[in-house]
Amino acid sequence: MKNTSNLKDDLFILVLMVISIPIISELKFYPFHNTFRVSFSSAMFLFFLLWVKKIPLILYGIVVGTSTVAFRIALDYILQSGFKFSNEFLLNFPAFFYYLVFSFLLYITKVNSFHNRPLLIGIIATIIDIISSTTELIIRFLLLGNSISIYTLGLICIIAITRSFFVLGFFNIIKLNEIRTFAKQKEEKNRYMFLLISNLYAESVQLKKSLTYAENITRNCYNLYEELQNNHYDYSKFDSKKLAQELLDIAGQVHEIKKDNQRIYAGLSKMILSENSKDYMNVNEIINILVETNRKYSISLGKEIKFFIDISPGIPELHSYTVMSLINNLVSNSVESIEKIGIIKIYINKKCNLIVFQIEDTGTGIPQKKRELIFKPGYTTKYNEFGEPSTGIGLSYVKEVATNLRGKIFFSNTPNCSGTIFTIEIPVESLIKKG
């Protein structure tokens, strides 16, 4: 998904360059009193290219060079009365080679891999600007007879240094602000995670207390059962008050567990269902985290699984914990159902007022006779290496969560019956931040 986003950004940059650079190139002056012009467009060209990630830079040189020449010729056609295409083409065509050579040399030097070494970028950009301007000068000399001198080359060097380091300074200011913003976001996220973990730790202490109560209750009930079962009571001396007191003690301990569990539930619900903006994320980010986690899980199981993601555009930010818990259960089930090699496909789209999640795998599938059982607590088809069954709460949990969110879950076998397709439909309003 990140590669797709980078490609879209690069295409946007290309469109922006095609529109802006030919216009900016008209803010010009002629330092050598001939047809060679100097403008701010060269600096803008370098600035834009420093942001490109996926598309080869040479393509930008070809497209921008062509659009610039075409714009200049079209402008001369509109503004000049004695327009001759051949003359205007010869006058403006050499500029194409500036953009072509500039982008080609940036491409082969892989300058965008040196963003952490600004001085090196400045030196490379300066040299490339000098070579590109000299190339245009030579072509103008051959086609139009423009003169070339030591003074001309010296001035080109000064202009190249000025343009390159001006652009580099501006670029680094933006990058520095990006880094500071990212660092601030990371600091806030770390602080948030620290508070979250602290709260979870506090809840774990209470949970441990509840477990101790539960253990005591179990022991007391069993002792009482043994006394009654083995007739240890002398019924002629049966003490109903003592028995009543023991049962009252047990009831009190159960009540303490209930209070602790209510408080733990309230605390966890407050953390998980809070309206904190950090709890809502772009669905692409959520699924990328989920896929990376399950890819590592599949590798730990010695399996070779490929993941395919198809997410429709226009889906709002969703509650990250809810989506993660729903989809992760299904994806991890798919990982476990695949024997050695397989594929897991994740589809997410918005249909009317519903968010539709679909998980398809090439696992072992679910037999027809067991379809009615898979959402029941305790049902499982998975066993560990010792033959012990899993808890069987994954699918029942997913169904319960989906139902609580006013949604539904259903499944089917894949057409070739070699896997399963689980589909969850949840109302959009159940997953987005309340207004």
Protein backbone atom coordinates (compact mmCIF):
# COMPACT_ATOMS: atom_id res chain seq x y z
CA MET A 1 0.00 0.00 0.00
CA LYS A 2 2.88 2.35 0.71
CA ASN A 3 4.26 1.81 -2.81
CA THR A 4 0.86 2.67 -4.29
CA SER A 5 0.73 5.85 -2.22
CA ASN A 6 4.26 6.84 -3.34
CA LEU A 7 3.32 6.26 -6.99
CA LYS A 8 0.26 8.51 -6.65
CA ASP A 9 2.42 11.21 -5.03
CA ASP A 10 4.95 10.97 -7.87
CA LEU A 11 2.22 11.28 -10.50
CA PHE A 12 0.84 14.33 -8.69
CA ILE A 13 4.32 15.88 -8.69
CA LEU A 14 4.63 15.20 -12.43
CA VAL A 15 1.30 16.92 -13.17
CA LEU A 16 2.28 19.86 -10.96
CA MET A 17 5.62 20.20 -12.76
CA VAL A 18 4.04 20.07 -16.22
CA ILE A 19 1.71 22.92 -15.24
CA SER A 20 4.00 25.13 -13.16
CA ILE A 21 7.51 24.88 -14.61
CA PRO A 22 6.70 26.16 -18.16
CA ILE A 23 4.92 29.16 -16.60
CA ILE A 24 7.72 29.88 -14.11
CA SER A 25 10.28 29.66 -16.92
CA GLU A 26 8.83 32.90 -18.32
CA LEU A 27 10.23 34.75 -15.28
CA LYS A 28 13.59 35.02 -17.02
CA PHE A 29 16.62 37.11 -17.88
CA TYR A 30 19.34 36.78 -20.55
CA PRO A 31 22.77 37.06 -18.88
CA PHE A 32 24.76 36.49 -22.09
CA HIS A 33 22.65 38.75 -24.33
CA ASN A 34 21.74 35.90 -26.65
CA THR A 35 19.03 33.20 -26.74
CA PHE A 36 20.17 31.43 -23.53
CA ARG A 37 17.82 32.31 -20.68
CA VAL A 38 18.12 31.84 -16.93
CA SER A 39 14.95 31.44 -14.87
CA PHE A 40 13.70 30.15 -11.55
CA SER A 41 12.18 27.10 -13.30
CA SER A 42 15.49 25.23 -13.09
CA ALA A 43 15.51 25.60 -9.32
CA MET A 44 11.88 24.46 -9.14
CA PHE A 45 12.72 21.47 -11.35
CA LEU A 46 15.43 20.33 -8.92
CA PHE A 47 13.18 20.95 -5.90
CA PHE A 48 10.39 18.77 -7.31
CA LEU A 49 12.75 15.97 -8.35
CA LEU A 50 14.12 15.68 -4.82
CA TRP A 51 10.67 14.48 -3.67
CA VAL A 52 10.22 11.73 -6.29
CA LYS A 53 10.35 8.16 -4.93
CA LYS A 54 9.13 5.62 -7.49
CA ILE A 55 8.99 6.96 -11.06
CA PRO A 56 12.38 7.18 -12.89
CA LEU A 57 13.59 10.80 -12.89
CA ILE A 58 14.45 10.75 -16.58
CA LEU A 59 10.74 10.49 -17.39
CA TYR A 60 10.22 13.83 -15.66
CA GLY A 61 12.93 15.40 -17.79
CA ILE A 62 11.33 14.18 -21.03
CA VAL A 63 7.80 15.25 -20.07
CA VAL A 64 8.73 18.61 -18.51
CA GLY A 65 11.20 19.43 -21.31
CA THR A 66 8.56 18.69 -23.95
CA SER A 67 5.83 20.67 -22.16
CA THR A 68 8.18 23.64 -21.64
CA VAL A 69 9.16 23.82 -25.32
CA ALA A 70 5.53 23.41 -26.39
CA PHE A 71 4.39 26.15 -23.98
CA ARG A 72 7.04 28.60 -25.19
CA ILE A 73 6.18 27.99 -28.84
CA ALA A 74 2.44 28.34 -28.12
CA LEU A 75 3.06 31.58 -26.18
CA ASP A 76 5.13 33.02 -29.03
CA TYR A 77 2.38 32.05 -31.47
CA ILE A 78 -0.15 34.01 -29.40
CA LEU A 79 2.01 37.07 -28.72
CA GLN A 80 4.09 37.44 -31.89
CA SER A 81 2.70 38.74 -35.15
CA GLY A 82 5.34 37.33 -37.49
CA PHE A 83 5.34 33.81 -36.05
CA LYS A 84 7.35 31.14 -37.86
CA PHE A 85 7.21 27.66 -36.37
CA SER A 86 10.65 26.59 -37.64
CA ASN A 87 12.35 29.63 -36.13
CA GLU A 88 10.54 29.29 -32.82
CA PHE A 89 11.28 25.57 -32.67
CA LEU A 90 15.03 26.14 -33.17
CA LEU A 91 14.97 28.94 -30.58
CA ASN A 92 13.25 26.92 -27.85
CA PHE A 93 14.14 23.28 -28.60
CA PRO A 94 17.62 23.41 -26.94
CA ALA A 95 15.90 23.94 -23.56
CA PHE A 96 14.57 20.38 -23.84
CA PHE A 97 18.13 19.05 -23.55
CA TYR A 98 18.69 20.96 -20.30
CA TYR A 99 15.81 19.11 -18.62
CA LEU A 100 16.72 15.80 -20.26
CA VAL A 101 20.40 15.86 -19.23
CA PHE A 102 19.59 17.22 -15.76
CA SER A 103 17.06 14.47 -14.97
CA PHE A 104 19.20 11.73 -16.53
CA LEU A 105 22.25 12.65 -14.44
CA LEU A 106 20.16 12.89 -11.25
CA TYR A 107 18.75 9.45 -12.09
CA ILE A 108 22.11 7.72 -12.61
CA THR A 109 23.66 9.34 -9.51
CA LYS A 110 20.65 8.21 -7.41
CA VAL A 111 20.68 11.57 -5.67
CA ASN A 112 17.43 10.85 -3.77
CA SER A 113 19.19 8.18 -1.74
CA PHE A 114 21.41 10.88 -0.15
CA HIS A 115 18.75 12.89 1.68
CA ASN A 116 20.69 12.46 4.91
CA ARG A 117 23.80 14.01 3.28
CA PRO A 118 22.70 17.49 2.14
CA LEU A 119 26.19 18.78 1.31
CA LEU A 120 26.75 15.88 -1.10
CA ILE A 121 23.39 16.57 -2.75
CA GLY A 122 24.34 20.23 -3.16
CA ILE A 123 27.67 19.35 -4.81
CA ILE A 124 26.08 16.76 -7.13
CA ALA A 125 23.20 19.12 -8.07
CA THR A 126 25.66 21.96 -8.81
CA ILE A 127 27.81 19.78 -11.09
CA ILE A 128 24.73 18.43 -12.87
CA ASP A 129 23.32 21.96 -13.34
CA ILE A 130 26.64 23.09 -14.87
CA ILE A 131 26.73 20.10 -17.24
CA SER A 132 23.07 20.57 -18.25
CA SER A 133 23.45 24.32 -18.88
CA THR A 134 26.68 23.71 -20.83
CA THR A 135 24.89 21.07 -22.94
CA GLU A 136 22.15 23.57 -23.79
CA LEU A 137 24.77 26.21 -24.58
CA ILE A 138 26.62 23.84 -26.97
CA ILE A 139 23.38 22.96 -28.79
CA ARG A 140 22.52 26.67 -29.12
CA PHE A 141 26.04 27.28 -30.43
CA LEU A 142 25.61 24.54 -33.05
CA LEU A 143 22.06 25.53 -34.09
CA LEU A 144 21.98 29.29 -33.52
CA GLY A 145 25.61 30.33 -33.39
CA ASN A 146 25.51 31.58 -29.77
CA SER A 147 29.01 32.32 -28.48
CA ILE A 148 30.68 30.42 -25.63
CA SER A 149 33.47 31.95 -23.54
CA ILE A 150 35.29 31.49 -20.26
CA TYR A 151 33.14 34.29 -18.85
CA THR A 152 30.01 32.42 -19.96
CA LEU A 153 31.11 29.18 -18.29
CA GLY A 154 32.15 31.00 -15.12
CA LEU A 155 28.79 32.72 -14.84
CA ILE A 156 27.02 29.40 -15.40
CA CYS A 157 29.00 27.93 -12.48
CA ILE A 158 28.01 30.83 -10.20
CA ILE A 159 24.35 30.52 -11.22
CA ALA A 160 24.43 26.72 -10.71
CA ILE A 161 25.91 27.03 -7.21
CA THR A 162 23.39 29.70 -6.24
CA ARG A 163 20.39 27.78 -7.58
CA SER A 164 21.39 24.39 -6.20
CA PHE A 165 22.18 25.47 -2.66
CA PHE A 166 19.16 27.79 -2.50
CA VAL A 167 16.91 24.84 -3.41
CA LEU A 168 18.79 22.55 -1.05
CA GLY A 169 18.37 24.98 1.84
CA PHE A 170 14.63 25.30 1.23
CA PHE A 171 14.29 21.52 0.82
CA ASN A 172 16.15 20.82 4.07
CA ILE A 173 13.99 23.29 6.00
CA ILE A 174 10.90 21.34 4.90
CA LYS A 175 12.56 17.98 5.69
CA LEU A 176 13.63 19.27 9.11
CA ASN A 177 10.07 20.31 9.88
CA GLU A 178 8.89 16.86 8.74
CA ILE A 179 11.40 15.18 11.05
CA ARG A 180 10.38 17.38 13.98
CA THR A 181 6.69 16.68 13.35
CA PHE A 182 7.37 12.95 13.09
CA ALA A 183 9.45 13.02 16.28
CA LYS A 184 6.68 14.88 18.10
CA GLN A 185 4.07 12.41 16.90
CA LYS A 186 6.28 9.51 17.96
CA GLU A 187 6.83 11.09 21.37
CA GLU A 188 3.08 11.55 21.82
CA LYS A 189 2.47 7.98 20.71
CA ASN A 190 5.10 6.65 23.13
CA ARG A 191 3.55 8.69 25.94
CA TYR A 192 0.13 7.37 25.03
CA MET A 193 1.40 3.77 24.93
CA PHE A 194 3.12 4.27 28.29
CA LEU A 195 -0.13 5.46 29.86
CA LEU A 196 -2.00 2.60 28.20
CA ILE A 197 0.46 0.01 29.50
CA SER A 198 0.39 1.62 32.96
CA ASN A 199 -3.38 1.34 33.02
CA LEU A 200 -3.21 -2.26 31.83
CA TYR A 201 -0.71 -3.03 34.57
CA ALA A 202 -3.09 -1.60 37.15
CA GLU A 203 -5.90 -3.74 35.74
CA SER A 204 -3.64 -6.82 35.81
CA VAL A 205 -3.09 -6.32 39.55
CA GLN A 206 -6.84 -6.30 40.10
CA LEU A 207 -7.21 -9.31 37.83
CA LYS A 208 -4.63 -11.20 39.88
CA LYS A 209 -6.65 -10.38 43.00
CA SER A 210 -9.80 -11.75 41.33
CA LEU A 211 -7.97 -14.91 40.29
CA THR A 212 -6.88 -15.43 43.92
CA TYR A 213 -10.48 -15.05 45.07
CA ALA A 214 -11.61 -17.51 42.39
CA GLU A 215 -8.98 -20.01 43.48
CA ASN A 216 -10.07 -19.70 47.13
CA ILE A 217 -13.72 -20.13 46.16
CA THR A 218 -12.91 -23.23 44.16
CA ARG A 219 -10.96 -24.73 47.04
CA ASN A 220 -13.60 -23.88 49.65
CA CYS A 221 -16.42 -25.25 47.50
CA TYR A 222 -14.49 -28.44 46.86
CA ASN A 223 -13.73 -28.90 50.58
CA LEU A 224 -17.37 -28.38 51.42
CA TYR A 225 -18.37 -30.83 48.70
CA GLU A 226 -15.98 -33.46 50.08
CA GLU A 227 -17.31 -33.06 53.60
CA LEU A 228 -20.89 -33.53 52.42
CA GLN A 229 -20.06 -36.28 49.93
CA ASN A 230 -18.01 -38.34 52.34
CA ASN A 231 -20.53 -37.96 55.18
CA HIS A 232 -18.00 -36.35 57.45
CA TYR A 233 -20.81 -34.47 59.07
CA ASP A 234 -22.42 -36.03 62.08
CA TYR A 235 -25.95 -35.19 61.11
CA SER A 236 -27.05 -35.50 64.74
CA LYS A 237 -24.75 -32.55 65.36
CA PHE A 238 -25.47 -30.84 62.06
CA ASP A 239 -24.64 -27.16 62.40
CA SER A 240 -26.81 -25.33 59.88
CA LYS A 241 -25.45 -21.96 61.03
CA LYS A 242 -21.87 -23.02 60.28
CA LEU A 243 -22.83 -24.26 56.82
CA ALA A 244 -24.79 -21.09 56.17
CA GLN A 245 -21.78 -19.01 57.23
CA GLU A 246 -19.48 -20.94 54.89
CA LEU A 247 -21.88 -20.41 52.00
CA LEU A 248 -22.16 -16.74 52.92
CA ASP A 249 -18.35 -16.45 52.86
CA ILE A 250 -18.28 -18.01 49.40
CA ALA A 251 -21.02 -15.66 48.21
CA GLY A 252 -19.03 -12.71 49.58
CA GLN A 253 -15.93 -13.80 47.68
CA VAL A 254 -17.99 -14.18 44.49
CA HIS A 255 -19.34 -10.68 45.07
CA GLU A 256 -15.78 -9.34 45.42
CA ILE A 257 -14.85 -11.00 42.12
CA LYS A 258 -17.92 -9.44 40.50
CA LYS A 259 -16.97 -5.96 41.78
CA ASP A 260 -13.36 -6.35 40.63
CA ASN A 261 -14.43 -7.64 37.22
CA GLN A 262 -16.91 -4.79 36.82
CA ARG A 263 -14.19 -2.27 37.61
CA ILE A 264 -11.69 -4.00 35.31
CA TYR A 265 -14.28 -4.14 32.53
CA ALA A 266 -15.12 -0.45 33.00
CA GLY A 267 -11.43 0.50 32.90
CA LEU A 268 -10.65 -1.56 29.83
CA SER A 269 -13.79 -0.35 28.05
CA LYS A 270 -12.81 3.24 28.76
CA MET A 271 -9.35 2.66 27.27
CA ILE A 272 -10.52 0.71 24.24
CA LEU A 273 -13.68 2.63 23.40
CA SER A 274 -12.37 6.11 24.18
CA GLU A 275 -12.80 8.85 21.62
CA ASN A 276 -9.09 9.57 21.56
CA SER A 277 -7.99 10.57 18.05
CA LYS A 278 -5.04 8.17 18.31
CA ASP A 279 -7.50 5.28 18.52
CA TYR A 280 -8.68 5.97 14.96
CA MET A 281 -6.43 5.14 12.03
CA ASN A 282 -6.44 4.89 8.27
CA VAL A 283 -7.58 1.37 7.40
CA ASN A 284 -4.49 0.90 5.19
CA GLU A 285 -2.23 1.44 8.22
CA ILE A 286 -4.25 -0.98 10.35
CA ILE A 287 -4.13 -3.73 7.73
CA ASN A 288 -0.42 -3.19 7.04
CA ILE A 289 0.33 -3.73 10.76
CA LEU A 290 -1.95 -6.77 10.81
CA VAL A 291 -0.38 -8.33 7.71
CA GLU A 292 3.17 -7.75 8.95
CA THR A 293 2.30 -9.41 12.29
CA ASN A 294 0.70 -12.44 10.63
CA ARG A 295 3.51 -12.73 8.08
CA LYS A 296 5.94 -13.12 11.00
CA TYR A 297 3.52 -15.57 12.62
CA SER A 298 3.39 -17.71 9.45
CA ILE A 299 7.19 -17.73 9.22
CA SER A 300 7.42 -18.88 12.86
CA LEU A 301 5.13 -21.80 11.91
CA GLY A 302 7.38 -22.71 8.98
CA LYS A 303 4.78 -21.70 6.39
CA GLU A 304 5.14 -19.77 3.16
CA ILE A 305 2.07 -17.54 2.84
CA LYS A 306 1.48 -14.65 0.46
CA PHE A 307 -0.83 -11.82 1.48
CA PHE A 308 -2.89 -9.79 -1.00
CA ILE A 309 -4.69 -6.60 0.04
CA ASP A 310 -7.45 -4.81 -1.85
CA ILE A 311 -8.85 -1.76 -0.04
CA SER A 312 -11.32 0.54 -1.77
CA PRO A 313 -10.70 4.30 -1.58
CA GLY A 314 -12.96 6.61 0.39
CA ILE A 315 -13.07 4.61 3.63
CA PRO A 316 -12.90 6.94 6.69
CA GLU A 317 -10.60 6.40 9.66
CA LEU A 318 -11.82 3.45 11.72
CA HIS A 319 -11.46 2.45 15.38
CA SER A 320 -8.13 0.66 15.22
CA TYR A 321 -8.51 -1.75 18.16
CA THR A 322 -11.94 -2.95 17.05
CA VAL A 323 -10.89 -3.53 13.44
CA MET A 324 -7.63 -5.16 14.51
CA SER A 325 -9.32 -7.57 16.93
CA LEU A 326 -11.99 -8.54 14.38
CA ILE A 327 -9.74 -9.08 11.37
CA ASN A 328 -6.70 -10.41 13.21
CA ASN A 329 -8.68 -13.35 14.58
CA LEU A 330 -9.79 -14.34 11.09
CA VAL A 331 -6.38 -13.82 9.47
CA SER A 332 -4.55 -15.79 12.18
CA ASN A 333 -7.13 -18.58 11.75
CA SER A 334 -6.36 -18.56 8.03
CA VAL A 335 -2.62 -18.75 8.74
CA GLU A 336 -3.20 -21.78 10.96
CA SER A 337 -5.52 -23.49 8.46
CA ILE A 338 -2.98 -23.35 5.63
CA GLU A 339 -0.75 -26.42 5.70
CA LYS A 340 2.54 -25.24 4.20
CA ILE A 341 2.09 -22.90 1.23
CA GLY A 342 -0.92 -20.71 0.61
CA ILE A 343 -2.51 -17.35 -0.05
CA ILE A 344 -4.57 -15.04 2.14
CA LYS A 345 -6.57 -12.25 0.50
CA ILE A 346 -7.99 -9.30 2.43
CA TYR A 347 -10.73 -7.21 0.80
CA ILE A 348 -12.19 -4.10 2.43
CA ASN A 349 -14.80 -1.85 0.85
CA LYS A 350 -17.64 0.48 1.72
CA LYS A 351 -21.11 -0.60 0.60
CA CYS A 352 -23.84 1.97 1.31
CA ASN A 353 -23.70 2.44 5.10
CA LEU A 354 -21.61 -0.70 5.72
CA ILE A 355 -17.91 -1.47 5.93
CA VAL A 356 -17.37 -4.93 4.43
CA PHE A 357 -14.33 -6.98 5.49
CA GLN A 358 -13.64 -10.20 3.57
CA ILE A 359 -10.89 -12.70 4.35
CA GLU A 360 -10.24 -15.46 1.81
CA ASP A 361 -7.67 -18.21 2.25
CA THR A 362 -6.48 -21.40 0.57
CA GLY A 363 -6.58 -23.45 3.76
CA THR A 364 -8.27 -26.76 4.46
CA GLY A 365 -11.81 -25.36 4.40
CA ILE A 366 -14.73 -26.23 6.68
CA PRO A 367 -16.76 -29.42 6.11
CA GLN A 368 -20.48 -28.92 5.47
CA LYS A 369 -21.51 -30.90 8.57
CA LYS A 370 -19.45 -28.67 10.87
CA ARG A 371 -20.69 -25.30 9.61
CA GLU A 372 -23.30 -25.00 12.33
CA LEU A 373 -20.67 -25.48 15.05
CA ILE A 374 -17.86 -23.08 14.18
CA PHE A 375 -19.33 -20.04 15.96
CA LYS A 376 -20.09 -21.95 19.16
CA PRO A 377 -17.72 -21.31 22.11
CA GLY A 378 -15.35 -24.22 22.66
CA TYR A 379 -15.57 -25.65 19.14
CA THR A 380 -12.17 -26.04 17.49
CA THR A 381 -10.43 -28.02 14.79
CA LYS A 382 -6.94 -26.97 15.90
CA TYR A 383 -4.68 -29.00 18.17
CA ASN A 384 -1.12 -28.42 19.33
CA GLU A 385 1.78 -30.83 19.02
CA PHE A 386 0.68 -32.59 22.22
CA GLY A 387 -2.82 -33.21 20.86
CA GLU A 388 -4.38 -30.63 23.17
CA PRO A 389 -7.24 -28.60 21.63
CA SER A 390 -7.21 -24.80 21.41
CA THR A 391 -9.72 -22.81 23.45
CA GLY A 392 -12.03 -22.38 20.46
CA ILE A 393 -13.06 -18.82 21.38
CA GLY A 394 -11.73 -16.97 18.28
CA LEU A 395 -14.75 -17.19 15.95
CA SER A 396 -17.31 -16.98 18.77
CA TYR A 397 -15.55 -13.82 19.95
CA VAL A 398 -15.58 -12.31 16.45
CA LYS A 399 -19.28 -13.07 16.10
CA GLU A 400 -20.04 -11.54 19.50
CA VAL A 401 -18.11 -8.36 18.70
CA ALA A 402 -19.74 -8.07 15.26
CA THR A 403 -23.19 -8.53 16.82
CA ASN A 404 -22.48 -5.92 19.51
CA LEU A 405 -21.53 -3.50 16.71
CA ARG A 406 -24.88 -4.22 15.00
CA GLY A 407 -23.11 -6.16 12.29
CA LYS A 408 -23.00 -9.75 11.12
CA ILE A 409 -20.52 -12.40 10.02
CA PHE A 410 -21.00 -15.24 7.59
CA PHE A 411 -18.78 -17.56 5.61
CA SER A 412 -18.57 -19.89 2.66
CA ASN A 413 -16.08 -22.24 1.12
CA THR A 414 -14.09 -21.00 -1.86
CA PRO A 415 -15.38 -22.14 -5.29
CA ASN A 416 -12.84 -24.96 -5.45
CA CYS A 417 -13.61 -25.91 -1.81
CA SER A 418 -9.94 -25.62 -0.84
CA GLY A 419 -10.37 -22.73 1.55
CA THR A 420 -12.83 -20.41 3.27
CA ILE A 421 -14.21 -16.92 2.77
CA PHE A 422 -15.30 -15.04 5.90
CA THR A 423 -17.27 -11.83 5.45
CA ILE A 424 -18.01 -9.27 8.16
CA GLU A 425 -20.44 -6.40 7.60
CA ILE A 426 -20.40 -3.59 10.17
CA PRO A 427 -22.33 -0.28 10.03
CA VAL A 428 -19.95 2.59 9.29
CA GLU A 429 -21.19 4.58 12.30
CA SER A 430 -20.15 1.74 14.64
CA LEU A 431 -16.49 2.07 13.62
CA ILE A 432 -15.94 5.78 13.01
CA LYS A 433 -15.36 8.57 15.50
CA LYS A 434 -18.58 10.05 16.79
CA GLY A 435 -19.17 13.62 15.69
